[in-house]
Amino acid sequence: MDSNTSVALVPIDRRSADGEGVALAGFLAGYRGSTREAYALDLRQFAVWCATNERRLFEVHRVDIECFGRDLESRGRARATIARRLCTIAGFYRYAEEEGLIEHSPAIHVRRPRIDYESHASGLDRNELGALLVAAGLSSARDHALVSLLALNGLRISEALGADVDALGLERGHRTLTVTRKGGSVVTMPLAPRVARALDLAIGERLEGPIFVDVADQRLDRHAAGRIVRRIARQASITKRVGPHTLRHAFITAALDAGVPLRDVQEAASHADPRTTMRYDRGRQSLDRHATYIVATFVAGALPLSFPIRIRTPESVGARAPDRAIGARGRRSVVAAPWGHVTRSSRAAWCAQTAASTSRTSTVLTVTPSGASGIGGSPTRNMAAAVRASSSVSKTTMATPRPP
């Protein structure tokens, strides 16, 4: 049986003698809007499966719920969809247990599929988003305002369609829009100048009512909004599958790519969990920013925050360079202490011997490697930069020990 055609065939019978219908109605009464519709769909599909397999809702066991999950897998449902429906079923039986309708919940230990937290949605890049806005500007004022609000403010489609004309305002020089976000929270957000102009053209002379209306002056529904977005995407020659949520996805991705802090993007997107916002960060998959490069540079330049560099002075030209002690390998103009290959105690002993010895003098510079700041840097580049800057930095006289 196809679940898409059977979900509307199972009404909730509130006159049920065993309280199944009362439990269903009471559980759904705690939610509203799209959440209630989604939970009702999940419970209807589970009720269809139970009726097909001759099970009553209050007579199922854990194995029955597990079999329902495996049946969804065989139908090709996504893991996120299966997990949500099992979560809805678990919440329903938990409610029935708390109300004393059943002794214990059969879904308390039901295994749910592991959710892949990476977003595999095909989002729009910067050029595609710009082309979509250009195509929307060539369409009607309502379509342009809808696409601009979704793409440049990152609203959910239900939030955009639920906005009214009297929710527009002006606050400290900013054009604002007050919307009711997911969960019932009321938020006032600023509007970019191009979005504000598009909304003004879409509203026209109207002073009340919904911002987005259809030809009958009724509030635009989500299905009509989806058709508008898909039509404009085709006009922009975008071959990807585009819907209203794709524009929200593009807004969050563009904000992260533009360098907006994660906390600000999370607030703009109204995400309760920052991990949800991180799913949209395409930069996390960039090979250029992989940590292996920074770690390799950090380990290769294992130097302290400040290390001495000895520059040959005219007084020490005639003296033999301590190649064996400092590992200069023939380069006797600029050398550094070999601290990347000795222990901490040996390093301290070398510093003490350097400070105490008076056999020969050299000019020593104190250089701070850029890798110490967490950015990463090459000691070779730091050394060369120190040589070039030797004429302008302050010089101190430090004794160099005679090699063993």
Protein backbone atom coordinates (compact mmCIF):
# COMPACT_ATOMS: atom_id res chain seq x y z
CA MET A 1 0.00 0.00 0.00
CA ASP A 2 1.34 3.41 -0.92
CA SER A 3 1.75 5.57 2.16
CA ASN A 4 1.17 8.76 0.17
CA THR A 5 -2.38 7.72 -0.74
CA SER A 6 -3.31 6.06 2.55
CA VAL A 7 -2.46 8.70 5.13
CA ALA A 8 -5.86 10.39 4.77
CA LEU A 9 -7.82 7.13 5.17
CA VAL A 10 -7.32 6.74 8.91
CA PRO A 11 -9.46 9.20 10.91
CA ILE A 12 -8.91 9.69 14.63
CA ASP A 13 -11.85 8.11 16.45
CA ARG A 14 -12.30 10.07 19.68
CA ARG A 15 -15.14 7.73 20.74
CA SER A 16 -12.80 4.76 20.98
CA ALA A 17 -13.60 2.80 24.13
CA ASP A 18 -9.97 1.96 24.95
CA GLY A 19 -8.78 5.54 24.77
CA GLU A 20 -6.59 5.27 21.66
CA GLY A 21 -8.39 8.11 19.92
CA VAL A 22 -8.36 10.23 23.06
CA ALA A 23 -4.62 9.70 23.41
CA LEU A 24 -4.02 10.65 19.79
CA ALA A 25 -6.09 13.80 20.08
CA GLY A 26 -4.49 14.77 23.38
CA PHE A 27 -0.97 14.25 22.09
CA LEU A 28 -1.56 16.33 18.95
CA ALA A 29 -3.30 19.07 20.93
CA GLY A 30 0.05 20.00 22.45
CA TYR A 31 1.38 21.17 19.08
CA ARG A 32 0.28 23.55 16.36
CA GLY A 33 1.04 24.58 12.83
CA SER A 34 3.41 22.59 10.69
CA THR A 35 4.68 20.58 13.65
CA ARG A 36 1.20 19.29 14.40
CA GLU A 37 0.62 18.43 10.74
CA ALA A 38 3.90 16.51 10.56
CA TYR A 39 3.18 14.56 13.78
CA ALA A 40 -0.34 13.79 12.60
CA LEU A 41 1.07 12.43 9.35
CA ASP A 42 3.54 10.22 11.23
CA LEU A 43 0.85 8.78 13.51
CA ARG A 44 -1.55 8.21 10.62
CA GLN A 45 1.06 6.22 8.74
CA PHE A 46 1.84 4.19 11.84
CA ALA A 47 -1.88 3.56 12.37
CA VAL A 48 -2.18 2.37 8.75
CA TRP A 49 0.71 -0.04 9.27
CA CYS A 50 -0.82 -1.36 12.51
CA ALA A 51 -4.21 -1.86 10.83
CA THR A 52 -2.56 -3.68 7.92
CA ASN A 53 -0.76 -6.03 10.32
CA GLU A 54 -3.81 -6.43 12.62
CA ARG A 55 -2.34 -4.59 15.59
CA ARG A 56 -4.05 -2.17 17.95
CA LEU A 57 -2.13 0.95 18.93
CA PHE A 58 -2.10 0.03 22.63
CA GLU A 59 -1.26 -3.63 21.93
CA VAL A 60 1.96 -3.24 19.96
CA HIS A 61 5.35 -4.26 21.32
CA ARG A 62 8.83 -3.02 20.69
CA VAL A 63 9.35 -5.55 17.91
CA ASP A 64 6.32 -4.14 16.05
CA ILE A 65 7.72 -0.62 16.12
CA GLU A 66 11.11 -1.95 14.99
CA CYS A 67 9.41 -3.72 12.08
CA PHE A 68 7.63 -0.48 11.16
CA GLY A 69 11.01 1.22 10.96
CA ARG A 70 12.42 -1.54 8.77
CA ASP A 71 9.37 -1.26 6.52
CA LEU A 72 10.09 2.44 6.05
CA GLU A 73 13.67 1.58 5.11
CA SER A 74 12.47 -0.91 2.51
CA ARG A 75 10.29 1.84 1.01
CA GLY A 76 13.37 3.99 0.51
CA ARG A 77 12.59 6.63 3.13
CA ALA A 78 15.46 8.84 4.26
CA ARG A 79 17.08 8.17 7.62
CA ALA A 80 16.01 11.58 8.89
CA THR A 81 12.39 10.79 7.99
CA ILE A 82 12.52 7.41 9.71
CA ALA A 83 14.09 8.90 12.81
CA ARG A 84 11.45 11.61 13.02
CA ARG A 85 8.57 9.15 12.71
CA LEU A 86 10.02 6.85 15.34
CA CYS A 87 10.53 9.87 17.57
CA THR A 88 6.89 10.85 17.08
CA ILE A 89 5.76 7.35 17.99
CA ALA A 90 7.96 7.34 21.08
CA GLY A 91 6.51 10.71 22.13
CA PHE A 92 2.96 9.43 21.66
CA TYR A 93 3.50 6.36 23.82
CA ARG A 94 5.33 8.43 26.43
CA TYR A 95 2.27 10.70 26.60
CA ALA A 96 -0.04 7.68 26.93
CA GLU A 97 2.13 6.30 29.74
CA GLU A 98 2.12 9.61 31.61
CA GLU A 99 -1.67 9.80 31.32
CA GLY A 100 -2.03 6.27 32.73
CA LEU A 101 -3.51 4.82 29.54
CA ILE A 102 -0.77 2.17 29.26
CA GLU A 103 1.56 0.64 31.84
CA HIS A 104 4.82 1.28 30.01
CA SER A 105 5.91 2.63 26.64
CA PRO A 106 6.87 -0.04 24.08
CA ALA A 107 8.99 2.50 22.18
CA ILE A 108 11.34 3.53 24.96
CA HIS A 109 14.25 1.40 23.72
CA VAL A 110 13.49 1.42 19.99
CA ARG A 111 16.65 1.92 17.95
CA ARG A 112 16.66 4.88 15.61
CA PRO A 113 18.90 5.28 12.56
CA ARG A 114 21.99 7.39 12.96
CA ILE A 115 21.51 10.79 11.38
CA ASP A 116 24.14 12.07 8.99
CA TYR A 117 24.74 15.60 10.23
CA GLU A 118 26.30 16.74 6.97
CA SER A 119 24.02 18.65 4.64
CA HIS A 120 23.90 17.07 1.18
CA ALA A 121 21.49 19.63 -0.26
CA SER A 122 22.55 21.20 -3.54
CA GLY A 123 22.70 24.84 -2.50
CA LEU A 124 23.10 27.84 -4.75
CA ASP A 125 26.43 29.56 -5.06
CA ARG A 126 26.95 33.31 -5.20
CA ASN A 127 26.52 33.62 -8.97
CA GLU A 128 23.40 31.45 -9.07
CA LEU A 129 21.83 33.41 -6.22
CA GLY A 130 22.53 36.66 -8.04
CA ALA A 131 21.04 35.31 -11.27
CA LEU A 132 17.94 34.20 -9.38
CA LEU A 133 17.45 37.69 -7.93
CA VAL A 134 17.86 39.24 -11.37
CA ALA A 135 15.24 36.90 -12.82
CA ALA A 136 12.91 37.68 -9.91
CA GLY A 137 13.29 41.40 -10.61
CA LEU A 138 12.00 40.81 -14.14
CA SER A 139 8.90 39.06 -12.79
CA SER A 140 5.95 40.56 -10.90
CA ALA A 141 6.38 42.72 -7.82
CA ARG A 142 4.99 39.99 -5.57
CA ASP A 143 7.35 37.35 -6.93
CA HIS A 144 10.34 39.69 -6.64
CA ALA A 145 9.48 40.54 -3.03
CA LEU A 146 9.00 36.89 -2.10
CA VAL A 147 12.30 35.71 -3.59
CA SER A 148 14.19 38.69 -2.14
CA LEU A 149 12.81 38.11 1.35
CA LEU A 150 13.63 34.39 1.28
CA ALA A 151 17.10 34.81 -0.22
CA LEU A 152 18.34 37.90 1.61
CA ASN A 153 16.71 37.38 5.02
CA GLY A 154 16.76 33.59 5.20
CA LEU A 155 13.15 33.24 6.33
CA ARG A 156 11.31 29.96 6.35
CA ILE A 157 8.49 29.88 3.85
CA SER A 158 5.87 29.71 6.61
CA GLU A 159 7.41 32.77 8.29
CA ALA A 160 7.42 34.80 5.09
CA LEU A 161 3.87 33.90 4.09
CA GLY A 162 2.57 34.52 7.61
CA ALA A 163 3.84 38.12 7.69
CA ASP A 164 1.27 40.93 7.54
CA VAL A 165 1.46 44.47 6.22
CA ASP A 166 1.16 46.03 9.68
CA ALA A 167 4.28 44.07 10.75
CA LEU A 168 6.45 46.43 8.69
CA GLY A 169 8.02 49.22 10.69
CA LEU A 170 10.87 51.65 11.14
CA GLU A 171 13.31 51.42 14.04
CA ARG A 172 16.38 53.66 14.49
CA GLY A 173 16.62 54.27 10.77
CA HIS A 174 16.17 50.60 9.83
CA ARG A 175 13.23 49.24 7.87
CA THR A 176 12.07 46.26 9.89
CA LEU A 177 9.72 43.30 9.64
CA THR A 178 8.27 41.49 12.65
CA VAL A 179 7.65 37.79 12.04
CA THR A 180 6.61 34.82 14.14
CA ARG A 181 9.40 32.29 13.89
CA LYS A 182 9.47 28.57 14.50
CA GLY A 183 8.44 27.79 18.05
CA GLY A 184 6.21 30.86 18.35
CA SER A 185 8.95 33.40 19.09
CA VAL A 186 8.32 36.90 17.72
CA VAL A 187 11.41 38.49 16.14
CA THR A 188 12.00 41.89 14.57
CA MET A 189 14.56 41.78 11.79
CA PRO A 190 16.05 44.51 9.56
CA LEU A 191 15.39 44.65 5.87
CA ALA A 192 18.02 45.46 3.28
CA PRO A 193 17.10 48.51 1.14
CA ARG A 194 16.44 46.40 -1.95
CA VAL A 195 14.18 44.05 0.03
CA ALA A 196 12.28 46.97 1.57
CA ARG A 197 11.70 48.52 -1.87
CA ALA A 198 10.49 45.18 -3.26
CA LEU A 199 8.03 44.78 -0.38
CA ASP A 200 6.72 48.32 -0.86
CA LEU A 201 6.03 47.62 -4.53
CA ALA A 202 4.34 44.32 -3.69
CA ILE A 203 2.07 45.89 -1.06
CA GLY A 204 1.09 48.90 -3.11
CA GLU A 205 -1.68 50.92 -1.44
CA ARG A 206 -2.79 48.20 0.96
CA LEU A 207 -2.67 49.07 4.66
CA GLU A 208 -3.56 45.72 6.21
CA GLY A 209 -3.79 42.03 5.49
CA PRO A 210 -1.08 39.60 4.43
CA ILE A 211 1.93 40.83 2.49
CA PHE A 212 1.76 38.05 -0.10
CA VAL A 213 -1.66 37.41 -1.63
CA ASP A 214 -2.93 35.44 -4.60
CA VAL A 215 -5.21 36.61 -7.39
CA ALA A 216 -8.22 36.31 -5.06
CA ASP A 217 -6.56 38.56 -2.45
CA GLN A 218 -6.19 35.59 -0.12
CA ARG A 219 -3.01 34.72 1.74
CA LEU A 220 -0.57 32.91 -0.52
CA ASP A 221 -0.05 29.27 0.45
CA ARG A 222 3.23 27.38 0.50
CA HIS A 223 2.42 25.32 -2.59
CA ALA A 224 1.86 28.40 -4.73
CA ALA A 225 5.05 29.93 -3.31
CA GLY A 226 6.96 26.80 -4.27
CA ARG A 227 5.70 27.04 -7.84
CA ILE A 228 6.78 30.69 -8.00
CA VAL A 229 10.32 29.90 -6.84
CA ARG A 230 10.68 26.98 -9.27
CA ARG A 231 9.44 29.07 -12.18
CA ILE A 232 11.88 31.88 -11.48
CA ALA A 233 14.71 29.35 -11.11
CA ARG A 234 13.93 28.02 -14.59
CA GLN A 235 13.92 31.56 -15.96
CA ALA A 236 17.37 32.06 -14.40
CA SER A 237 18.61 28.91 -16.23
CA ILE A 238 19.32 27.12 -12.95
CA THR A 239 19.19 23.37 -13.52
CA LYS A 240 19.37 22.42 -9.85
CA ARG A 241 16.29 21.46 -7.92
CA VAL A 242 15.24 24.72 -6.29
CA GLY A 243 12.51 25.32 -3.73
CA PRO A 244 11.72 27.90 -1.04
CA HIS A 245 14.02 26.22 1.46
CA THR A 246 16.84 26.31 -1.11
CA LEU A 247 16.84 30.09 -0.82
CA ARG A 248 17.11 29.88 2.96
CA HIS A 249 19.97 27.42 2.49
CA ALA A 250 21.64 29.87 0.08
CA PHE A 251 21.29 32.73 2.59
CA ILE A 252 22.99 30.81 5.41
CA THR A 253 25.73 29.49 3.13
CA ALA A 254 26.42 32.94 1.66
CA ALA A 255 26.59 34.46 5.15
CA LEU A 256 29.16 31.90 6.28
CA ASP A 257 31.17 32.27 3.07
CA ALA A 258 31.17 36.05 3.54
CA GLY A 259 32.80 35.66 6.95
CA VAL A 260 29.82 36.41 9.20
CA PRO A 261 30.47 34.88 12.65
CA LEU A 262 28.73 31.60 13.31
CA ARG A 263 26.83 33.00 16.29
CA ASP A 264 25.38 35.84 14.21
CA VAL A 265 24.36 33.46 11.41
CA GLN A 266 22.73 31.15 13.95
CA GLU A 267 20.69 34.04 15.32
CA ALA A 268 19.70 35.26 11.87
CA ALA A 269 18.61 31.76 10.86
CA SER A 270 16.80 31.17 14.18
CA HIS A 271 18.61 27.89 14.84
CA ALA A 272 18.39 26.60 18.39
CA ASP A 273 21.51 24.44 17.97
CA PRO A 274 24.71 25.86 16.41
CA ARG A 275 25.43 22.44 14.91
CA THR A 276 22.44 22.97 12.64
CA THR A 277 24.05 26.14 11.31
CA MET A 278 27.40 24.38 10.88
CA ARG A 279 25.80 21.94 8.47
CA TYR A 280 25.64 24.76 5.93
CA ASP A 281 29.33 25.69 6.25
CA ARG A 282 30.87 24.65 2.94
CA GLY A 283 34.23 25.99 4.13
CA ARG A 284 34.62 23.05 6.50
CA GLN A 285 35.13 20.84 3.45
CA SER A 286 37.73 23.15 1.90
CA LEU A 287 41.11 21.48 1.45
CA ASP A 288 42.86 24.86 1.58
CA ARG A 289 41.81 25.30 5.22
CA HIS A 290 42.62 21.77 6.37
CA ALA A 291 44.39 21.59 9.71
CA THR A 292 47.14 19.34 8.37
CA TYR A 293 48.97 22.29 6.79
CA ILE A 294 49.02 24.33 9.99
CA VAL A 295 50.08 21.33 12.09
CA ALA A 296 52.88 20.43 9.69
CA THR A 297 54.18 24.01 9.73
CA PHE A 298 53.89 24.19 13.49
CA VAL A 299 55.83 20.97 14.06
CA ALA A 300 58.48 21.81 11.46
CA GLY A 301 59.09 25.16 13.11
CA ALA A 302 59.33 23.81 16.67
CA LEU A 303 60.97 26.96 18.05
CA PRO A 304 60.25 28.94 21.21
CA LEU A 305 58.42 32.24 21.07
CA SER A 306 61.76 34.08 20.89
CA PHE A 307 64.99 32.57 19.57
CA PRO A 308 68.38 34.14 18.87
CA ILE A 309 69.85 34.51 15.38
CA ARG A 310 73.58 35.16 15.14
CA ILE A 311 74.74 37.46 12.39
CA ARG A 312 78.45 37.50 11.54
CA THR A 313 80.07 40.82 12.42
CA PRO A 314 83.41 42.17 11.15
CA GLU A 315 85.00 41.33 14.51
CA SER A 316 84.20 37.62 14.11
CA VAL A 317 85.06 37.23 10.41
CA GLY A 318 88.47 35.78 11.14
CA ALA A 319 87.15 33.34 13.68
CA ARG A 320 86.11 29.85 12.69
CA ALA A 321 82.31 29.53 12.52
CA PRO A 322 80.98 26.92 14.96
CA ASP A 323 79.42 24.75 12.28
CA ARG A 324 79.35 21.59 14.36
CA ALA A 325 77.70 23.30 17.30
CA ILE A 326 75.00 25.09 15.40
CA GLY A 327 74.54 22.95 12.29
CA ALA A 328 74.95 25.75 9.77
CA ARG A 329 76.11 23.30 7.05
CA GLY A 330 78.48 25.75 5.45
CA ARG A 331 76.20 28.79 5.58
CA ARG A 332 78.27 30.96 7.87
CA SER A 333 76.47 34.26 7.37
CA VAL A 334 73.28 33.59 9.35
CA VAL A 335 72.69 30.64 11.63
CA ALA A 336 70.20 29.75 14.37
CA ALA A 337 70.23 27.61 17.46
CA PRO A 338 69.27 23.97 16.67
CA TRP A 339 66.50 23.84 19.28
CA GLY A 340 64.20 21.68 17.21
CA HIS A 341 66.49 18.66 17.72
CA VAL A 342 67.46 18.84 21.40
CA THR A 343 65.72 18.35 24.72
CA ARG A 344 64.48 21.16 26.90
CA SER A 345 67.32 20.67 29.39
CA SER A 346 69.90 20.80 26.59
CA ARG A 347 68.29 23.96 25.29
CA ALA A 348 68.56 25.59 28.72
CA ALA A 349 72.19 24.48 29.04
CA TRP A 350 72.97 25.90 25.61
CA CYS A 351 71.41 29.25 26.56
CA ALA A 352 73.32 29.35 29.84
CA GLN A 353 76.60 28.53 28.12
CA THR A 354 75.92 31.19 25.51
CA ALA A 355 75.30 33.85 28.12
CA ALA A 356 78.37 32.93 30.19
CA SER A 357 80.92 32.49 27.42
CA THR A 358 83.15 35.42 26.47
CA SER A 359 85.31 33.72 23.85
CA ARG A 360 83.87 35.52 20.77
CA THR A 361 81.20 38.13 20.25
CA SER A 362 78.44 38.25 17.66
CA THR A 363 75.42 40.41 16.98
CA VAL A 364 72.23 38.64 18.09
CA LEU A 365 68.66 39.53 17.10
CA THR A 366 65.53 38.41 18.93
CA VAL A 367 62.93 37.21 16.44
CA THR A 368 59.37 36.06 17.19
CA PRO A 369 58.14 33.47 14.66
CA SER A 370 54.73 34.14 13.15
CA GLY A 371 53.71 30.56 13.92
CA ALA A 372 53.53 31.46 17.60
CA SER A 373 50.39 33.46 16.98
CA GLY A 374 48.49 30.44 15.69
CA ILE A 375 48.62 31.58 12.08
CA GLY A 376 51.52 29.41 11.03
CA GLY A 377 54.83 30.47 9.58
CA SER A 378 58.18 29.27 8.26
CA PRO A 379 61.32 29.72 10.38
CA THR A 380 63.30 30.14 7.16
CA ARG A 381 61.23 33.14 6.14
CA ASN A 382 61.50 34.56 9.64
CA MET A 383 65.28 34.19 9.54
CA ALA A 384 65.58 35.90 6.16
CA ALA A 385 63.32 38.71 7.34
CA ALA A 386 65.52 39.17 10.38
CA VAL A 387 68.59 39.52 8.19
CA ARG A 388 66.93 42.12 5.99
CA ALA A 389 65.80 44.06 9.04
CA SER A 390 69.17 43.81 10.82
CA SER A 391 70.07 47.36 9.92
CA SER A 392 66.99 48.83 11.59
CA VAL A 393 66.54 46.70 14.72
CA SER A 394 68.32 47.16 17.98
CA LYS A 395 71.38 44.95 18.37
CA THR A 396 72.67 43.36 21.52
CA THR A 397 76.04 41.76 22.10
CA MET A 398 75.82 38.12 23.09
CA ALA A 399 78.68 35.67 23.47
CA THR A 400 78.70 32.52 21.37
CA PRO A 401 80.24 29.40 22.93
CA ARG A 402 83.20 27.66 21.39
CA PRO A 403 82.12 24.39 19.76
CA PRO A 404 82.99 21.15 21.51
